[in-house]
Amino acid sequence: MCEHLYRSKSAGRSSITIYKCSNGERPVATRYSSNDVTSVSYNLAKGDGPCCQVLGTIVKACPPCDNEMKADNIMEHYCASDFALKMKIKEVKKEKGDKKVIAAQKKKKVLKQGALRKKDLKKLTLYIKNGANCPCAQLDSLGSNFLIMGRKVDQQLLIMSIHKWDKKSKELKFAIKYMKSHQCPTYHTVFQ
């Protein structure tokens, strides 16, 4: 008989597997952190005996997908990114531990060109680095437009932030208006 459900929030890029036991056995949660590749067990309740049943795994969302739709947050990512696009997504695949995002051919608008070249835009393929197994709620349904911001690293386009393009969002409208008129700060190297 099920008595309690133990939940725990994960910090950073961690996943926590929650175990639940009946008959007074001790529930245990095992945490695996991809940052330091360690595994730790936590005792969550009284009782003796091994854990009997795995309830599930809580996995933290991919960092580019875990952003609030707030104007200041969007602008911060915009200024920190090499490029920004309004685009539709054709499909999402897993490739070598990454999440591969393939753009729809003709449904894209460049909001910030940065390091993007014409050849990058022709067959636009972006990646969420190490994102093959982390959830991204924004990519659950691909029917709408997306605001995608990212950086070009070693000829690969990496997604740093992704938002569904919500026409009704006041925060998004404000951020887009701000993007058109705002000059992002430029940083110069002091030491040469």
Foldseek 3Di string as FASTA:
>chain_A
DFDDWDDDDDPDFKKKWWFGAPPFDWTKIWIAHPVVGDIDIDTDDGGHDDTDGTDGMDGAAQQQQPDDLALVRVLVLQLVFQWKKWFFWDDWDDDPQKIKTWTDQPGMDTLHCGPPDPVCNRGPIAIAHNRRPHDRVQRPDRPAIKIFTFYQDPNHTYTNHIDGDDPPDPRVVVNSVCSVPPDRDDDDDPPD
